[in-house]
Amino acid sequence: VQTCALPIYWMVAELARKGVRVLDVLVCPHHWDDHCRCRKPEPGMFYAASAKHRFWLGHTLYVGDDTRDAAAARNAGCGCALVGDVTDHASTGPVAPHHRAESILAAVPWIVGRFAAWEASAAEGAAS
């Protein structure tokens, strides 16, 4: 975990400088060979975050850069956008992301569209 600490602190500080508050950062402390429930593609950390911060995974979008991110998101019941060089994601195995984009910025219209659809669905449900 300590190997991850400096880049994470830097990322959180940079986001804070831009006005983005990071609520929490979760890191799996286990080795790949431990086969724990919190290491992607297992959904354990998604479940822990959802329980801790009380959000519904069915209305959560996860943005990642690795096919294990897509698998973990789907295993947890979340939507997933993979960002980065889309040719790197050409072979996603049995679990494809819901969306692919060259960058987070390019994924924004899809993300906004998903949230808009959820809000419209909630409004329809409340009206009936």
N, C-alpha and C. Protein backbone atom coordinates (compact mmCIF):
# COMPACT_ATOMS: atom_id res chain seq x y z
N VAL A 1 0.83 -1.19 0.00
CA VAL A 1 0.00 0.00 0.00
C VAL A 1 0.87 1.25 0.00
N GLN A 2 1.99 1.23 0.72
CA GLN A 2 2.84 2.41 0.79
C GLN A 2 3.39 2.80 -0.58
N THR A 3 3.60 1.82 -1.47
CA THR A 3 4.06 2.11 -2.82
C THR A 3 3.06 3.00 -3.55
N CYS A 4 1.80 2.84 -3.26
CA CYS A 4 0.74 3.61 -3.91
C CYS A 4 0.54 4.98 -3.26
N ALA A 5 1.00 5.16 -2.05
CA ALA A 5 0.64 6.35 -1.27
C ALA A 5 1.04 7.66 -1.93
N LEU A 6 2.27 7.81 -2.38
CA LEU A 6 2.72 9.09 -2.93
C LEU A 6 1.94 9.50 -4.17
N PRO A 7 1.77 8.61 -5.16
CA PRO A 7 0.96 9.02 -6.32
C PRO A 7 -0.48 9.37 -5.94
N ILE A 8 -1.03 8.66 -4.99
CA ILE A 8 -2.41 8.94 -4.57
C ILE A 8 -2.49 10.30 -3.90
N TYR A 9 -1.55 10.59 -2.99
CA TYR A 9 -1.54 11.91 -2.33
C TYR A 9 -1.37 13.02 -3.35
N TRP A 10 -0.51 12.79 -4.34
CA TRP A 10 -0.30 13.79 -5.39
C TRP A 10 -1.59 14.01 -6.16
N MET A 11 -2.25 12.90 -6.57
CA MET A 11 -3.48 13.00 -7.34
C MET A 11 -4.56 13.77 -6.56
N VAL A 12 -4.73 13.42 -5.30
CA VAL A 12 -5.75 14.08 -4.47
C VAL A 12 -5.43 15.57 -4.33
N ALA A 13 -4.16 15.91 -4.13
CA ALA A 13 -3.75 17.31 -4.00
C ALA A 13 -3.99 18.08 -5.30
N GLU A 14 -3.66 17.47 -6.42
CA GLU A 14 -3.87 18.13 -7.72
C GLU A 14 -5.36 18.36 -7.98
N LEU A 15 -6.17 17.38 -7.68
CA LEU A 15 -7.61 17.54 -7.85
C LEU A 15 -8.15 18.63 -6.93
N ALA A 16 -7.67 18.68 -5.70
CA ALA A 16 -8.10 19.72 -4.74
C ALA A 16 -7.74 21.11 -5.26
N ARG A 17 -6.57 21.23 -5.88
CA ARG A 17 -6.16 22.54 -6.43
C ARG A 17 -7.13 22.99 -7.53
N LYS A 18 -7.77 22.04 -8.16
CA LYS A 18 -8.72 22.35 -9.23
C LYS A 18 -10.17 22.39 -8.73
N GLY A 19 -10.33 22.32 -7.41
CA GLY A 19 -11.65 22.43 -6.82
C GLY A 19 -12.42 21.12 -6.70
N VAL A 20 -11.75 20.00 -6.91
CA VAL A 20 -12.41 18.69 -6.81
C VAL A 20 -12.05 18.06 -5.47
N ARG A 21 -13.07 17.74 -4.70
CA ARG A 21 -12.83 17.11 -3.39
C ARG A 21 -12.98 15.60 -3.55
N VAL A 22 -11.94 14.88 -3.19
CA VAL A 22 -11.98 13.42 -3.23
C VAL A 22 -12.48 12.94 -1.88
N LEU A 23 -13.57 12.23 -1.91
CA LEU A 23 -14.21 11.75 -0.69
C LEU A 23 -13.39 10.65 -0.02
N ASP A 24 -12.83 9.76 -0.82
CA ASP A 24 -12.13 8.61 -0.26
C ASP A 24 -11.29 7.96 -1.35
N VAL A 25 -10.25 7.26 -0.95
CA VAL A 25 -9.44 6.46 -1.86
C VAL A 25 -9.31 5.09 -1.22
N LEU A 26 -9.71 4.07 -1.95
CA LEU A 26 -9.61 2.70 -1.44
C LEU A 26 -8.54 1.96 -2.23
N VAL A 27 -7.69 1.25 -1.53
CA VAL A 27 -6.61 0.50 -2.16
C VAL A 27 -6.59 -0.91 -1.59
N CYS A 28 -6.51 -1.90 -2.46
CA CYS A 28 -6.39 -3.28 -2.01
C CYS A 28 -4.95 -3.52 -1.56
N PRO A 29 -4.77 -3.95 -0.32
CA PRO A 29 -3.41 -4.17 0.19
C PRO A 29 -2.84 -5.55 -0.15
N HIS A 30 -3.62 -6.37 -0.82
CA HIS A 30 -3.21 -7.76 -1.05
C HIS A 30 -2.43 -7.93 -2.34
N HIS A 31 -1.68 -9.01 -2.41
CA HIS A 31 -0.94 -9.38 -3.61
C HIS A 31 -1.91 -10.04 -4.60
N TRP A 32 -1.60 -9.94 -5.90
CA TRP A 32 -2.45 -10.56 -6.92
C TRP A 32 -2.71 -12.04 -6.62
N ASP A 33 -1.69 -12.72 -6.11
CA ASP A 33 -1.81 -14.16 -5.88
C ASP A 33 -2.66 -14.52 -4.66
N ASP A 34 -3.05 -13.52 -3.87
CA ASP A 34 -3.87 -13.79 -2.69
C ASP A 34 -5.32 -14.11 -3.03
N HIS A 35 -5.76 -13.73 -4.23
CA HIS A 35 -7.12 -13.99 -4.69
C HIS A 35 -8.17 -13.50 -3.68
N CYS A 36 -7.99 -12.29 -3.20
CA CYS A 36 -8.92 -11.72 -2.22
C CYS A 36 -10.17 -11.18 -2.92
N ARG A 37 -11.18 -10.84 -2.15
CA ARG A 37 -12.45 -10.32 -2.69
C ARG A 37 -12.39 -8.82 -3.01
N CYS A 38 -11.31 -8.15 -2.60
CA CYS A 38 -11.26 -6.70 -2.86
C CYS A 38 -10.38 -6.35 -4.06
N ARG A 39 -9.65 -7.28 -4.59
CA ARG A 39 -8.77 -7.01 -5.73
C ARG A 39 -9.54 -7.20 -7.03
N LYS A 40 -9.49 -6.18 -7.91
CA LYS A 40 -10.17 -6.29 -9.19
C LYS A 40 -9.67 -7.53 -9.94
N PRO A 41 -10.53 -8.28 -10.55
CA PRO A 41 -11.89 -7.97 -10.96
C PRO A 41 -12.98 -8.32 -9.95
N GLU A 42 -12.60 -8.71 -8.76
CA GLU A 42 -13.61 -8.96 -7.71
C GLU A 42 -14.24 -7.64 -7.28
N PRO A 43 -15.48 -7.63 -6.84
CA PRO A 43 -16.18 -6.38 -6.53
C PRO A 43 -16.10 -5.93 -5.07
N GLY A 44 -15.27 -6.55 -4.25
CA GLY A 44 -15.26 -6.27 -2.82
C GLY A 44 -15.09 -4.80 -2.44
N MET A 45 -14.18 -4.09 -3.11
CA MET A 45 -13.98 -2.67 -2.75
C MET A 45 -15.16 -1.82 -3.18
N PHE A 46 -15.83 -2.20 -4.25
CA PHE A 46 -17.05 -1.49 -4.66
C PHE A 46 -18.10 -1.62 -3.55
N TYR A 47 -18.26 -2.86 -3.05
CA TYR A 47 -19.22 -3.09 -1.98
C TYR A 47 -18.84 -2.31 -0.72
N ALA A 48 -17.56 -2.30 -0.38
CA ALA A 48 -17.10 -1.57 0.81
C ALA A 48 -17.36 -0.07 0.68
N ALA A 49 -17.05 0.49 -0.49
CA ALA A 49 -17.27 1.92 -0.72
C ALA A 49 -18.76 2.25 -0.66
N SER A 50 -19.58 1.40 -1.27
CA SER A 50 -21.02 1.62 -1.27
C SER A 50 -21.59 1.58 0.15
N ALA A 51 -21.14 0.64 0.94
CA ALA A 51 -21.62 0.54 2.32
C ALA A 51 -21.14 1.72 3.15
N LYS A 52 -19.89 2.11 2.98
CA LYS A 52 -19.31 3.20 3.77
C LYS A 52 -19.94 4.55 3.43
N HIS A 53 -20.16 4.80 2.14
CA HIS A 53 -20.62 6.11 1.71
C HIS A 53 -22.09 6.13 1.28
N ARG A 54 -22.75 5.00 1.40
CA ARG A 54 -24.18 4.88 1.17
C ARG A 54 -24.64 5.34 -0.22
N PHE A 55 -24.04 4.75 -1.23
CA PHE A 55 -24.50 5.02 -2.59
C PHE A 55 -24.92 3.71 -3.25
N TRP A 56 -25.80 3.82 -4.22
CA TRP A 56 -26.38 2.68 -4.90
C TRP A 56 -25.49 2.31 -6.09
N LEU A 57 -24.96 1.11 -6.08
CA LEU A 57 -24.06 0.67 -7.15
C LEU A 57 -24.77 0.60 -8.49
N GLY A 58 -26.07 0.35 -8.49
CA GLY A 58 -26.83 0.29 -9.74
C GLY A 58 -26.93 1.62 -10.46
N HIS A 59 -26.66 2.70 -9.76
CA HIS A 59 -26.62 4.03 -10.37
C HIS A 59 -25.26 4.66 -10.16
N THR A 60 -24.23 3.84 -10.39
CA THR A 60 -22.84 4.28 -10.26
C THR A 60 -22.12 3.99 -11.57
N LEU A 61 -21.31 4.92 -12.01
CA LEU A 61 -20.47 4.72 -13.18
C LEU A 61 -19.02 4.73 -12.74
N TYR A 62 -18.30 3.73 -13.17
CA TYR A 62 -16.89 3.60 -12.84
C TYR A 62 -16.09 3.88 -14.09
N VAL A 63 -15.09 4.73 -13.97
CA VAL A 63 -14.22 5.04 -15.10
C VAL A 63 -12.86 4.40 -14.81
N GLY A 64 -12.41 3.57 -15.73
CA GLY A 64 -11.14 2.88 -15.54
C GLY A 64 -10.33 2.85 -16.82
N ASP A 65 -9.14 2.25 -16.71
CA ASP A 65 -8.25 2.18 -17.86
C ASP A 65 -7.74 0.77 -18.13
N ASP A 66 -8.39 -0.22 -17.54
CA ASP A 66 -7.94 -1.60 -17.66
C ASP A 66 -9.17 -2.50 -17.75
N THR A 67 -9.06 -3.58 -18.47
CA THR A 67 -10.21 -4.47 -18.62
C THR A 67 -10.66 -5.06 -17.29
N ARG A 68 -9.74 -5.17 -16.31
CA ARG A 68 -10.16 -5.62 -14.97
C ARG A 68 -11.10 -4.61 -14.33
N ASP A 69 -10.97 -3.33 -14.69
CA ASP A 69 -11.89 -2.30 -14.19
C ASP A 69 -13.31 -2.58 -14.69
N ALA A 70 -13.42 -2.91 -15.97
CA ALA A 70 -14.73 -3.23 -16.54
C ALA A 70 -15.32 -4.46 -15.87
N ALA A 71 -14.51 -5.47 -15.64
CA ALA A 71 -14.99 -6.70 -15.01
C ALA A 71 -15.45 -6.42 -13.57
N ALA A 72 -14.65 -5.66 -12.81
CA ALA A 72 -15.02 -5.36 -11.42
C ALA A 72 -16.30 -4.54 -11.37
N ALA A 73 -16.43 -3.56 -12.26
CA ALA A 73 -17.64 -2.73 -12.28
C ALA A 73 -18.87 -3.59 -12.59
N ARG A 74 -18.77 -4.42 -13.59
CA ARG A 74 -19.91 -5.29 -13.94
C ARG A 74 -20.22 -6.25 -12.80
N ASN A 75 -19.18 -6.81 -12.16
CA ASN A 75 -19.39 -7.73 -11.04
C ASN A 75 -20.09 -7.05 -9.87
N ALA A 76 -19.90 -5.73 -9.75
CA ALA A 76 -20.53 -4.97 -8.68
C ALA A 76 -21.88 -4.40 -9.10
N GLY A 77 -22.24 -4.52 -10.37
CA GLY A 77 -23.50 -3.97 -10.85
C GLY A 77 -23.42 -2.53 -11.29
N CYS A 78 -22.21 -2.05 -11.58
CA CYS A 78 -22.00 -0.66 -12.02
C CYS A 78 -21.84 -0.59 -13.53
N GLY A 79 -22.07 0.60 -14.06
CA GLY A 79 -21.70 0.88 -15.44
C GLY A 79 -20.21 1.19 -15.48
N CYS A 80 -19.59 1.02 -16.64
CA CYS A 80 -18.15 1.27 -16.73
C CYS A 80 -17.78 1.88 -18.06
N ALA A 81 -16.93 2.89 -18.00
CA ALA A 81 -16.30 3.45 -19.19
C ALA A 81 -14.81 3.17 -19.08
N LEU A 82 -14.24 2.62 -20.14
CA LEU A 82 -12.79 2.45 -20.19
C LEU A 82 -12.22 3.60 -21.00
N VAL A 83 -11.19 4.22 -20.48
CA VAL A 83 -10.58 5.35 -21.16
C VAL A 83 -9.11 5.05 -21.46
N GLY A 84 -8.62 5.73 -22.46
CA GLY A 84 -7.24 5.53 -22.88
C GLY A 84 -7.22 5.11 -24.33
N ASP A 85 -6.11 4.54 -24.74
CA ASP A 85 -5.96 4.08 -26.11
C ASP A 85 -6.94 2.94 -26.36
N VAL A 86 -7.98 3.22 -27.14
CA VAL A 86 -9.04 2.23 -27.34
C VAL A 86 -8.52 0.96 -28.01
N THR A 87 -7.44 1.05 -28.74
CA THR A 87 -6.89 -0.16 -29.34
C THR A 87 -6.35 -1.09 -28.26
N ASP A 88 -5.93 -0.55 -27.12
CA ASP A 88 -5.49 -1.39 -26.00
C ASP A 88 -6.64 -2.20 -25.44
N HIS A 89 -7.88 -1.73 -25.63
CA HIS A 89 -9.05 -2.39 -25.07
C HIS A 89 -9.79 -3.24 -26.12
N ALA A 90 -9.14 -3.46 -27.26
CA ALA A 90 -9.82 -4.18 -28.33
C ALA A 90 -10.24 -5.58 -27.89
N SER A 91 -9.43 -6.20 -27.08
CA SER A 91 -9.78 -7.54 -26.59
C SER A 91 -10.07 -7.43 -25.10
N THR A 92 -11.33 -7.39 -24.76
CA THR A 92 -11.71 -7.22 -23.36
C THR A 92 -12.10 -8.53 -22.72
N GLY A 93 -11.96 -9.60 -23.45
CA GLY A 93 -12.33 -10.89 -22.88
C GLY A 93 -13.83 -10.98 -22.76
N PRO A 94 -14.31 -11.74 -21.78
CA PRO A 94 -15.74 -11.98 -21.66
C PRO A 94 -16.52 -10.77 -21.12
N VAL A 95 -15.83 -9.77 -20.58
CA VAL A 95 -16.52 -8.63 -19.98
C VAL A 95 -16.12 -7.35 -20.71
N ALA A 96 -17.06 -6.81 -21.47
CA ALA A 96 -16.81 -5.57 -22.18
C ALA A 96 -17.32 -4.40 -21.36
N PRO A 97 -16.66 -3.24 -21.46
CA PRO A 97 -17.17 -2.06 -20.77
C PRO A 97 -18.46 -1.59 -21.44
N HIS A 98 -19.20 -0.75 -20.76
CA HIS A 98 -20.41 -0.17 -21.34
C HIS A 98 -20.06 0.90 -22.37
N HIS A 99 -18.87 1.49 -22.23
CA HIS A 99 -18.47 2.58 -23.12
C HIS A 99 -16.94 2.61 -23.19
N ARG A 100 -16.43 3.00 -24.34
CA ARG A 100 -14.99 3.20 -24.52
C ARG A 100 -14.76 4.61 -25.02
N ALA A 101 -13.68 5.24 -24.53
CA ALA A 101 -13.36 6.60 -24.98
C ALA A 101 -11.85 6.80 -24.91
N GLU A 102 -11.37 7.70 -25.74
CA GLU A 102 -9.93 8.00 -25.77
C GLU A 102 -9.46 8.69 -24.49
N SER A 103 -10.37 9.43 -23.83
CA SER A 103 -10.00 10.17 -22.62
C SER A 103 -11.22 10.33 -21.72
N ILE A 104 -10.97 10.76 -20.52
CA ILE A 104 -12.10 11.03 -19.62
C ILE A 104 -12.98 12.12 -20.21
N LEU A 105 -12.36 13.14 -20.77
CA LEU A 105 -13.13 14.23 -21.39
C LEU A 105 -14.03 13.70 -22.50
N ALA A 106 -13.52 12.77 -23.31
CA ALA A 106 -14.33 12.20 -24.38
C ALA A 106 -15.46 11.34 -23.84
N ALA A 107 -15.32 10.82 -22.63
CA ALA A 107 -16.37 9.99 -22.02
C ALA A 107 -17.48 10.81 -21.37
N VAL A 108 -17.24 12.10 -21.16
CA VAL A 108 -18.20 12.94 -20.44
C VAL A 108 -19.60 12.92 -21.06
N PRO A 109 -19.77 13.07 -22.37
CA PRO A 109 -21.15 13.04 -22.91
C PRO A 109 -21.89 11.74 -22.57
N TRP A 110 -21.21 10.61 -22.65
CA TRP A 110 -21.84 9.34 -22.29
C TRP A 110 -22.20 9.32 -20.82
N ILE A 111 -21.29 9.78 -19.96
CA ILE A 111 -21.54 9.80 -18.51
C ILE A 111 -22.74 10.69 -18.20
N VAL A 112 -22.77 11.88 -18.75
CA VAL A 112 -23.88 12.81 -18.53
C VAL A 112 -25.18 12.19 -19.04
N GLY A 113 -25.11 11.54 -20.19
CA GLY A 113 -26.30 10.89 -20.74
C GLY A 113 -26.84 9.79 -19.84
N ARG A 114 -25.95 9.01 -19.24
CA ARG A 114 -26.40 7.95 -18.32
C ARG A 114 -27.11 8.55 -17.11
N PHE A 115 -26.52 9.59 -16.52
CA PHE A 115 -27.14 10.21 -15.36
C PHE A 115 -28.47 10.87 -15.73
N ALA A 116 -28.53 11.48 -16.90
CA ALA A 116 -29.78 12.10 -17.36
C ALA A 116 -30.87 11.02 -17.52
N ALA A 117 -30.50 9.87 -18.07
CA ALA A 117 -31.47 8.78 -18.24
C ALA A 117 -31.96 8.29 -16.88
N TRP A 118 -31.06 8.16 -15.91
CA TRP A 118 -31.47 7.73 -14.57
C TRP A 118 -32.42 8.74 -13.94
N GLU A 119 -32.11 10.04 -14.09
CA GLU A 119 -32.98 11.08 -13.52
C GLU A 119 -34.34 11.07 -14.20
N ALA A 120 -34.38 10.91 -15.51
CA ALA A 120 -35.66 10.88 -16.23
C ALA A 120 -36.48 9.67 -15.79
N SER A 121 -35.83 8.54 -15.60
CA SER A 121 -36.52 7.33 -15.14
C SER A 121 -37.08 7.53 -13.75
N ALA A 122 -36.33 8.17 -12.88
CA ALA A 122 -36.80 8.44 -11.51
C ALA A 122 -37.98 9.39 -11.54
N ALA A 123 -37.92 10.41 -12.41
CA ALA A 123 -39.01 11.39 -12.51
C ALA A 123 -40.29 10.71 -13.02
N GLU A 124 -40.14 9.81 -13.99
CA GLU A 124 -41.31 9.08 -14.51
C GLU A 124 -41.93 8.22 -13.42
N GLY A 125 -41.07 7.57 -12.64
CA GLY A 125 -41.55 6.72 -11.55
C GLY A 125 -42.28 7.52 -10.49
N ALA A 126 -41.78 8.72 -10.20
CA ALA A 126 -42.41 9.57 -9.18
C ALA A 126 -43.74 10.13 -9.67
N ALA A 127 -43.86 10.32 -10.99
CA ALA A 127 -45.07 10.90 -11.56
C ALA A 127 -46.20 9.88 -11.65
N SER A 128 -45.85 8.58 -11.66
CA SER A 128 -46.93 7.59 -11.83
C SER A 128 -47.49 7.11 -10.52
